[in-house]
Amino acid sequence: MRRTPNLEDWPEVVNLSEYEKNKMDEIKAVPLGEKLPRLDHDGLDLLEKFLQLNPKKRITAKEA
């Protein structure tokens, strides 16, 4: 999981009005399990689905 958007994961990110102006260096994410060690596998899986940067890949409330 990445913390910054990129064209491979989210090609449409370039269409955001502030994308070029606020472009930042890529930051690799720390695995959620390291930050939330008490959260079980299912909880981590659901959280990762909610935190997807690309809205097309993000889980909906109904799916959750």
N, C-alpha and C. Protein backbone atom coordinates (compact mmCIF):
# COMPACT_ATOMS: atom_id res chain seq x y z
N MET A 1 0.84 -1.18 0.00
CA MET A 1 0.00 0.00 0.00
C MET A 1 0.88 1.25 0.00
N ARG A 2 0.53 2.19 -0.82
CA ARG A 2 1.30 3.44 -0.92
C ARG A 2 0.59 4.56 -0.16
N ARG A 3 1.37 5.56 0.20
CA ARG A 3 0.81 6.72 0.87
C ARG A 3 0.64 7.90 -0.07
N THR A 4 1.27 7.84 -1.23
CA THR A 4 1.15 8.91 -2.20
C THR A 4 0.59 8.35 -3.50
N PRO A 5 -0.25 9.12 -4.18
CA PRO A 5 -0.82 8.62 -5.43
C PRO A 5 0.24 8.52 -6.52
N ASN A 6 0.07 7.56 -7.40
CA ASN A 6 0.95 7.46 -8.56
C ASN A 6 0.13 7.04 -9.77
N LEU A 7 0.70 7.23 -10.94
CA LEU A 7 -0.03 6.97 -12.18
C LEU A 7 -0.31 5.49 -12.41
N GLU A 8 0.52 4.63 -11.86
CA GLU A 8 0.30 3.19 -12.02
C GLU A 8 -0.94 2.74 -11.25
N ASP A 9 -1.08 3.19 -10.02
CA ASP A 9 -2.23 2.82 -9.19
C ASP A 9 -3.49 3.59 -9.55
N TRP A 10 -3.32 4.86 -9.96
CA TRP A 10 -4.47 5.74 -10.13
C TRP A 10 -4.20 6.70 -11.29
N PRO A 11 -4.35 6.24 -12.54
CA PRO A 11 -4.04 7.08 -13.70
C PRO A 11 -4.83 8.39 -13.73
N GLU A 12 -6.04 8.39 -13.20
CA GLU A 12 -6.89 9.57 -13.24
C GLU A 12 -6.45 10.67 -12.26
N VAL A 13 -5.46 10.38 -11.41
CA VAL A 13 -5.02 11.37 -10.43
C VAL A 13 -4.56 12.66 -11.11
N VAL A 14 -4.07 12.56 -12.34
CA VAL A 14 -3.62 13.75 -13.06
C VAL A 14 -4.76 14.70 -13.39
N ASN A 15 -5.99 14.22 -13.33
CA ASN A 15 -7.15 15.06 -13.62
C ASN A 15 -7.56 15.92 -12.44
N LEU A 16 -7.00 15.68 -11.27
CA LEU A 16 -7.32 16.52 -10.11
C LEU A 16 -6.71 17.90 -10.30
N SER A 17 -7.47 18.93 -10.00
CA SER A 17 -7.02 20.29 -10.30
C SER A 17 -5.72 20.68 -9.60
N GLU A 18 -5.44 20.17 -8.45
CA GLU A 18 -4.25 20.55 -7.70
C GLU A 18 -3.11 19.54 -7.81
N TYR A 19 -3.25 18.54 -8.66
CA TYR A 19 -2.26 17.46 -8.71
C TYR A 19 -0.85 17.96 -9.01
N GLU A 20 -0.65 18.68 -10.09
CA GLU A 20 0.69 19.13 -10.46
C GLU A 20 1.28 20.09 -9.44
N LYS A 21 0.45 20.99 -8.94
CA LYS A 21 0.94 21.99 -7.99
C LYS A 21 1.38 21.36 -6.67
N ASN A 22 0.70 20.31 -6.28
CA ASN A 22 0.96 19.69 -4.98
C ASN A 22 1.65 18.34 -5.09
N LYS A 23 2.23 18.06 -6.24
CA LYS A 23 2.91 16.79 -6.46
C LYS A 23 4.01 16.61 -5.40
N MET A 24 4.08 15.44 -4.83
CA MET A 24 5.05 15.20 -3.77
C MET A 24 5.86 13.95 -4.05
N ASP A 25 6.97 13.85 -3.37
CA ASP A 25 7.78 12.65 -3.50
C ASP A 25 7.02 11.45 -2.98
N GLU A 26 7.30 10.30 -3.57
CA GLU A 26 6.63 9.08 -3.13
C GLU A 26 7.06 8.70 -1.73
N ILE A 27 6.08 8.36 -0.93
CA ILE A 27 6.32 7.92 0.44
C ILE A 27 5.77 6.50 0.54
N LYS A 28 6.61 5.58 0.91
CA LYS A 28 6.16 4.20 1.08
C LYS A 28 5.45 4.08 2.42
N ALA A 29 4.37 3.36 2.42
CA ALA A 29 3.58 3.20 3.64
C ALA A 29 4.21 2.17 4.58
N VAL A 30 4.02 2.38 5.84
CA VAL A 30 4.37 1.39 6.85
C VAL A 30 3.21 0.41 6.90
N PRO A 31 3.45 -0.88 6.88
CA PRO A 31 2.34 -1.83 6.95
C PRO A 31 1.43 -1.54 8.16
N LEU A 32 0.13 -1.55 7.91
CA LEU A 32 -0.82 -1.24 8.98
C LEU A 32 -0.67 -2.17 10.17
N GLY A 33 -0.31 -3.41 9.92
CA GLY A 33 -0.13 -4.37 11.01
C GLY A 33 0.95 -3.95 11.99
N GLU A 34 1.94 -3.19 11.52
CA GLU A 34 2.99 -2.70 12.42
C GLU A 34 2.48 -1.57 13.29
N LYS A 35 1.59 -0.76 12.75
CA LYS A 35 1.04 0.37 13.50
C LYS A 35 -0.14 -0.05 14.38
N LEU A 36 -0.84 -1.09 13.96
CA LEU A 36 -2.04 -1.54 14.68
C LEU A 36 -1.93 -3.04 14.97
N PRO A 37 -0.99 -3.43 15.81
CA PRO A 37 -0.73 -4.86 16.02
C PRO A 37 -1.89 -5.63 16.66
N ARG A 38 -2.79 -4.94 17.32
CA ARG A 38 -3.90 -5.65 17.96
C ARG A 38 -5.09 -5.87 17.03
N LEU A 39 -5.03 -5.30 15.83
CA LEU A 39 -6.11 -5.48 14.86
C LEU A 39 -5.90 -6.80 14.14
N ASP A 40 -6.95 -7.62 14.08
CA ASP A 40 -6.80 -8.93 13.44
C ASP A 40 -6.76 -8.80 11.91
N HIS A 41 -6.54 -9.93 11.24
CA HIS A 41 -6.39 -9.95 9.78
C HIS A 41 -7.58 -9.32 9.07
N ASP A 42 -8.80 -9.69 9.49
CA ASP A 42 -10.00 -9.16 8.83
C ASP A 42 -10.11 -7.65 9.02
N GLY A 43 -9.77 -7.16 10.20
CA GLY A 43 -9.80 -5.72 10.47
C GLY A 43 -8.79 -4.97 9.62
N LEU A 44 -7.59 -5.52 9.50
CA LEU A 44 -6.56 -4.89 8.68
C LEU A 44 -6.98 -4.88 7.21
N ASP A 45 -7.55 -5.97 6.75
CA ASP A 45 -8.00 -6.07 5.36
C ASP A 45 -9.06 -5.01 5.06
N LEU A 46 -10.04 -4.88 5.94
CA LEU A 46 -11.10 -3.89 5.75
C LEU A 46 -10.54 -2.47 5.78
N LEU A 47 -9.67 -2.18 6.72
CA LEU A 47 -9.08 -0.85 6.83
C LEU A 47 -8.29 -0.51 5.57
N GLU A 48 -7.52 -1.45 5.05
CA GLU A 48 -6.76 -1.20 3.82
C GLU A 48 -7.69 -0.91 2.64
N LYS A 49 -8.83 -1.58 2.60
CA LYS A 49 -9.80 -1.33 1.53
C LYS A 49 -10.43 0.05 1.66
N PHE A 50 -10.66 0.51 2.87
CA PHE A 50 -11.21 1.85 3.09
C PHE A 50 -10.19 2.95 2.75
N LEU A 51 -8.91 2.66 2.92
CA LEU A 51 -7.87 3.67 2.76
C LEU A 51 -7.25 3.72 1.36
N GLN A 52 -7.83 3.03 0.40
CA GLN A 52 -7.32 3.08 -0.97
C GLN A 52 -7.41 4.51 -1.50
N LEU A 53 -6.32 5.02 -2.08
CA LEU A 53 -6.33 6.37 -2.64
C LEU A 53 -7.21 6.46 -3.88
N ASN A 54 -7.15 5.45 -4.72
CA ASN A 54 -7.95 5.43 -5.95
C ASN A 54 -9.40 5.12 -5.58
N PRO A 55 -10.31 6.07 -5.82
CA PRO A 55 -11.71 5.84 -5.44
C PRO A 55 -12.35 4.63 -6.14
N LYS A 56 -11.84 4.29 -7.33
CA LYS A 56 -12.39 3.12 -8.04
C LYS A 56 -12.01 1.81 -7.36
N LYS A 57 -10.94 1.83 -6.58
CA LYS A 57 -10.48 0.62 -5.89
C LYS A 57 -10.96 0.58 -4.43
N ARG A 58 -11.48 1.70 -3.93
CA ARG A 58 -11.90 1.79 -2.54
C ARG A 58 -13.22 1.04 -2.33
N ILE A 59 -13.33 0.37 -1.22
CA ILE A 59 -14.54 -0.37 -0.88
C ILE A 59 -15.68 0.60 -0.58
N THR A 60 -16.89 0.23 -0.95
CA THR A 60 -18.05 1.05 -0.63
C THR A 60 -18.62 0.64 0.72
N ALA A 61 -19.46 1.47 1.28
CA ALA A 61 -20.10 1.14 2.54
C ALA A 61 -20.93 -0.13 2.40
N LYS A 62 -21.61 -0.28 1.29
CA LYS A 62 -22.44 -1.47 1.07
C LYS A 62 -21.58 -2.73 1.02
N GLU A 63 -20.44 -2.65 0.33
CA GLU A 63 -19.54 -3.81 0.24
C GLU A 63 -18.95 -4.16 1.60
N ALA A 64 -18.69 -3.15 2.41
CA ALA A 64 -18.10 -3.39 3.73
C ALA A 64 -19.08 -4.09 4.62
